[in-house]
Amino acid sequence: MSTAIPVLRGRGMTMSDQLARWSRTRPDAAALRFEGAGRSYAQLDERVSRLARRTCRLTPDHSAIMKSRERHAARDRRVAPRTS
């Protein structure tokens, strides 16, 4: 069972897919702002990935989660970012 949340129905993209896409196509753009502090898409993606890795280490059957993450990463490397 997938825990991914679909955000772009019909395109098969999840929040994770979209964050990875934005971190590749606009890494320095502001992703979050709160009380004067902010994070770029690249920073947000790195922090989310770090949290996912930590969660996987703490999960009893993390091998399935890691395999899924590796498949997504391999797919992301095959998709070239668009250039304007």
N, C-alpha and C. Protein backbone atom coordinates (compact mmCIF):
# COMPACT_ATOMS: atom_id res chain seq x y z
N MET A 1 0.84 -1.18 0.00
CA MET A 1 0.00 0.00 0.00
C MET A 1 0.88 1.24 0.00
N SER A 2 0.60 2.14 -0.91
CA SER A 2 1.39 3.36 -1.02
C SER A 2 0.89 4.41 -0.04
N THR A 3 1.82 5.12 0.57
CA THR A 3 1.45 6.22 1.45
C THR A 3 1.64 7.56 0.75
N ALA A 4 2.02 7.52 -0.52
CA ALA A 4 2.22 8.75 -1.28
C ALA A 4 0.88 9.44 -1.51
N ILE A 5 0.89 10.75 -1.45
CA ILE A 5 -0.33 11.53 -1.64
C ILE A 5 -0.34 12.07 -3.07
N PRO A 6 -1.33 11.66 -3.89
CA PRO A 6 -1.37 12.19 -5.25
C PRO A 6 -1.73 13.67 -5.23
N VAL A 7 -0.97 14.48 -5.95
CA VAL A 7 -1.27 15.90 -6.03
C VAL A 7 -1.69 16.31 -7.43
N LEU A 8 -1.20 15.64 -8.42
CA LEU A 8 -1.57 15.94 -9.80
C LEU A 8 -2.26 14.72 -10.37
N ARG A 9 -3.51 14.56 -10.04
CA ARG A 9 -4.25 13.38 -10.50
C ARG A 9 -4.28 13.37 -12.03
N GLY A 10 -4.20 12.17 -12.57
CA GLY A 10 -4.19 12.05 -14.02
C GLY A 10 -2.78 12.06 -14.59
N ARG A 11 -1.87 12.69 -13.90
CA ARG A 11 -0.47 12.70 -14.34
C ARG A 11 0.36 11.69 -13.58
N GLY A 12 -0.22 11.11 -12.55
CA GLY A 12 0.49 10.10 -11.77
C GLY A 12 1.60 10.67 -10.91
N MET A 13 1.53 11.96 -10.57
CA MET A 13 2.58 12.57 -9.76
C MET A 13 2.13 12.65 -8.31
N THR A 14 3.07 12.43 -7.42
CA THR A 14 2.83 12.57 -5.99
C THR A 14 3.51 13.83 -5.50
N MET A 15 3.29 14.18 -4.25
CA MET A 15 3.99 15.33 -3.67
C MET A 15 5.50 15.12 -3.75
N SER A 16 5.93 13.90 -3.48
CA SER A 16 7.35 13.58 -3.55
C SER A 16 7.89 13.78 -4.97
N ASP A 17 7.14 13.32 -5.96
CA ASP A 17 7.54 13.50 -7.36
C ASP A 17 7.67 14.99 -7.69
N GLN A 18 6.67 15.77 -7.27
CA GLN A 18 6.67 17.19 -7.59
C GLN A 18 7.81 17.92 -6.89
N LEU A 19 8.06 17.60 -5.63
CA LEU A 19 9.17 18.23 -4.91
C LEU A 19 10.50 17.91 -5.59
N ALA A 20 10.69 16.65 -5.98
CA ALA A 20 11.93 16.27 -6.68
C ALA A 20 12.05 17.03 -7.99
N ARG A 21 10.94 17.17 -8.70
CA ARG A 21 10.96 17.89 -9.98
C ARG A 21 11.33 19.35 -9.77
N TRP A 22 10.67 20.01 -8.80
CA TRP A 22 10.97 21.41 -8.54
C TRP A 22 12.39 21.60 -8.04
N SER A 23 12.91 20.67 -7.26
CA SER A 23 14.28 20.82 -6.75
C SER A 23 15.30 20.70 -7.89
N ARG A 24 14.92 20.00 -8.97
CA ARG A 24 15.80 19.92 -10.15
C ARG A 24 15.64 21.13 -11.06
N THR A 25 14.39 21.57 -11.27
CA THR A 25 14.14 22.62 -12.26
C THR A 25 14.27 24.03 -11.71
N ARG A 26 14.08 24.21 -10.41
CA ARG A 26 14.21 25.53 -9.79
C ARG A 26 14.76 25.40 -8.37
N PRO A 27 15.99 24.91 -8.25
CA PRO A 27 16.55 24.60 -6.93
C PRO A 27 16.65 25.80 -5.98
N ASP A 28 16.85 27.00 -6.52
CA ASP A 28 17.05 28.16 -5.66
C ASP A 28 15.77 28.94 -5.38
N ALA A 29 14.65 28.55 -6.00
CA ALA A 29 13.38 29.25 -5.77
C ALA A 29 12.88 28.97 -4.36
N ALA A 30 12.16 29.94 -3.80
CA ALA A 30 11.63 29.80 -2.44
C ALA A 30 10.52 28.76 -2.41
N ALA A 31 10.69 27.76 -1.56
CA ALA A 31 9.67 26.72 -1.39
C ALA A 31 8.82 27.02 -0.16
N LEU A 32 9.46 27.52 0.90
CA LEU A 32 8.78 27.82 2.16
C LEU A 32 9.29 29.14 2.71
N ARG A 33 8.37 29.87 3.32
CA ARG A 33 8.74 31.08 4.06
C ARG A 33 7.89 31.14 5.31
N PHE A 34 8.54 31.45 6.45
CA PHE A 34 7.82 31.59 7.70
C PHE A 34 8.60 32.50 8.62
N GLU A 35 7.97 33.57 9.06
CA GLU A 35 8.56 34.52 9.99
C GLU A 35 9.97 34.94 9.57
N GLY A 36 10.11 35.29 8.32
CA GLY A 36 11.37 35.81 7.82
C GLY A 36 12.39 34.77 7.42
N ALA A 37 12.17 33.52 7.75
CA ALA A 37 13.10 32.44 7.37
C ALA A 37 12.50 31.70 6.18
N GLY A 38 13.37 31.14 5.36
CA GLY A 38 12.88 30.43 4.20
C GLY A 38 13.77 29.26 3.82
N ARG A 39 13.25 28.43 2.94
CA ARG A 39 13.97 27.28 2.41
C ARG A 39 13.75 27.24 0.90
N SER A 40 14.79 26.93 0.18
CA SER A 40 14.67 26.73 -1.27
C SER A 40 14.15 25.32 -1.52
N TYR A 41 13.76 25.06 -2.77
CA TYR A 41 13.30 23.70 -3.11
C TYR A 41 14.43 22.69 -2.90
N ALA A 42 15.65 23.05 -3.23
CA ALA A 42 16.77 22.12 -3.05
C ALA A 42 16.98 21.83 -1.56
N GLN A 43 16.91 22.86 -0.72
CA GLN A 43 17.07 22.67 0.72
C GLN A 43 15.94 21.82 1.29
N LEU A 44 14.71 22.10 0.86
CA LEU A 44 13.57 21.34 1.34
C LEU A 44 13.68 19.87 0.93
N ASP A 45 14.05 19.63 -0.32
CA ASP A 45 14.19 18.25 -0.80
C ASP A 45 15.27 17.51 -0.01
N GLU A 46 16.38 18.18 0.29
CA GLU A 46 17.46 17.54 1.06
C GLU A 46 16.98 17.20 2.46
N ARG A 47 16.25 18.10 3.10
CA ARG A 47 15.76 17.85 4.46
C ARG A 47 14.71 16.75 4.48
N VAL A 48 13.84 16.74 3.48
CA VAL A 48 12.83 15.68 3.40
C VAL A 48 13.50 14.33 3.18
N SER A 49 14.51 14.30 2.32
CA SER A 49 15.24 13.05 2.07
C SER A 49 15.94 12.56 3.32
N ARG A 50 16.53 13.49 4.06
CA ARG A 50 17.22 13.12 5.30
C ARG A 50 16.22 12.55 6.31
N LEU A 51 15.06 13.18 6.43
CA LEU A 51 14.03 12.68 7.33
C LEU A 51 13.54 11.30 6.88
N ALA A 52 13.38 11.11 5.58
CA ALA A 52 12.93 9.81 5.06
C ALA A 52 13.95 8.72 5.38
N ARG A 53 15.24 9.03 5.19
CA ARG A 53 16.28 8.04 5.50
C ARG A 53 16.27 7.69 6.99
N ARG A 54 16.12 8.69 7.83
CA ARG A 54 16.07 8.44 9.28
C ARG A 54 14.85 7.60 9.64
N THR A 55 13.71 7.92 9.06
CA THR A 55 12.49 7.16 9.32
C THR A 55 12.67 5.71 8.87
N CYS A 56 13.32 5.53 7.73
CA CYS A 56 13.55 4.17 7.23
C CYS A 56 14.44 3.38 8.18
N ARG A 57 15.45 4.02 8.73
CA ARG A 57 16.34 3.33 9.67
C ARG A 57 15.59 2.91 10.92
N LEU A 58 14.58 3.67 11.31
CA LEU A 58 13.82 3.38 12.52
C LEU A 58 12.63 2.45 12.28
N THR A 59 12.35 2.16 11.01
CA THR A 59 11.23 1.31 10.65
C THR A 59 11.70 -0.13 10.60
N PRO A 60 10.98 -1.06 11.23
CA PRO A 60 11.41 -2.47 11.27
C PRO A 60 11.70 -3.06 9.88
N ASP A 61 10.82 -2.85 8.90
CA ASP A 61 11.05 -3.40 7.56
C ASP A 61 11.36 -2.27 6.59
N HIS A 62 12.50 -1.62 6.83
CA HIS A 62 12.84 -0.47 6.00
C HIS A 62 13.36 -0.85 4.62
N SER A 63 13.69 -2.11 4.38
CA SER A 63 14.25 -2.50 3.09
C SER A 63 13.26 -2.23 1.95
N ALA A 64 11.98 -2.47 2.16
CA ALA A 64 10.98 -2.21 1.11
C ALA A 64 10.88 -0.72 0.81
N ILE A 65 10.94 0.09 1.86
CA ILE A 65 10.86 1.55 1.69
C ILE A 65 12.09 2.04 0.93
N MET A 66 13.28 1.54 1.30
CA MET A 66 14.50 1.97 0.64
C MET A 66 14.51 1.56 -0.83
N LYS A 67 14.03 0.36 -1.13
CA LYS A 67 13.97 -0.08 -2.52
C LYS A 67 13.08 0.83 -3.33
N SER A 68 11.94 1.23 -2.76
CA SER A 68 11.03 2.14 -3.45
C SER A 68 11.71 3.48 -3.68
N ARG A 69 12.39 4.01 -2.68
CA ARG A 69 13.10 5.30 -2.80
C ARG A 69 14.19 5.20 -3.87
N GLU A 70 14.91 4.08 -3.92
CA GLU A 70 15.96 3.90 -4.92
C GLU A 70 15.38 3.85 -6.33
N ARG A 71 14.21 3.21 -6.48
CA ARG A 71 13.55 3.18 -7.80
C ARG A 71 13.17 4.58 -8.23
N HIS A 72 12.62 5.38 -7.30
CA HIS A 72 12.25 6.76 -7.62
C HIS A 72 13.48 7.58 -7.99
N ALA A 73 14.56 7.41 -7.25
CA ALA A 73 15.78 8.16 -7.53
C ALA A 73 16.34 7.79 -8.90
N ALA A 74 16.33 6.50 -9.23
CA ALA A 74 16.82 6.06 -10.54
C ALA A 74 15.96 6.65 -11.64
N ARG A 75 14.65 6.65 -11.45
CA ARG A 75 13.75 7.23 -12.45
C ARG A 75 14.02 8.72 -12.59
N ASP A 76 14.22 9.42 -11.47
CA ASP A 76 14.47 10.86 -11.52
C ASP A 76 15.76 11.18 -12.26
N ARG A 77 16.77 10.33 -12.14
CA ARG A 77 18.03 10.56 -12.86
C ARG A 77 17.85 10.39 -14.36
N ARG A 78 16.90 9.52 -14.76
CA ARG A 78 16.67 9.31 -16.19
C ARG A 78 15.88 10.44 -16.83
N VAL A 79 15.13 11.19 -16.02
CA VAL A 79 14.32 12.29 -16.53
C VAL A 79 15.15 13.55 -16.53
N ALA A 80 15.45 14.04 -17.71
CA ALA A 80 16.27 15.25 -17.81
C ALA A 80 15.40 16.47 -17.50
N PRO A 81 15.95 17.43 -16.76
CA PRO A 81 15.18 18.65 -16.48
C PRO A 81 14.97 19.45 -17.76
N ARG A 82 13.84 20.13 -17.81
CA ARG A 82 13.56 20.99 -18.97
C ARG A 82 14.41 22.24 -18.90
N THR A 83 14.84 22.70 -20.06
CA THR A 83 15.58 23.95 -20.12
C THR A 83 14.74 24.95 -20.89
N SER A 84 14.78 26.18 -20.46
CA SER A 84 13.96 27.22 -21.11
C SER A 84 14.78 27.98 -22.10
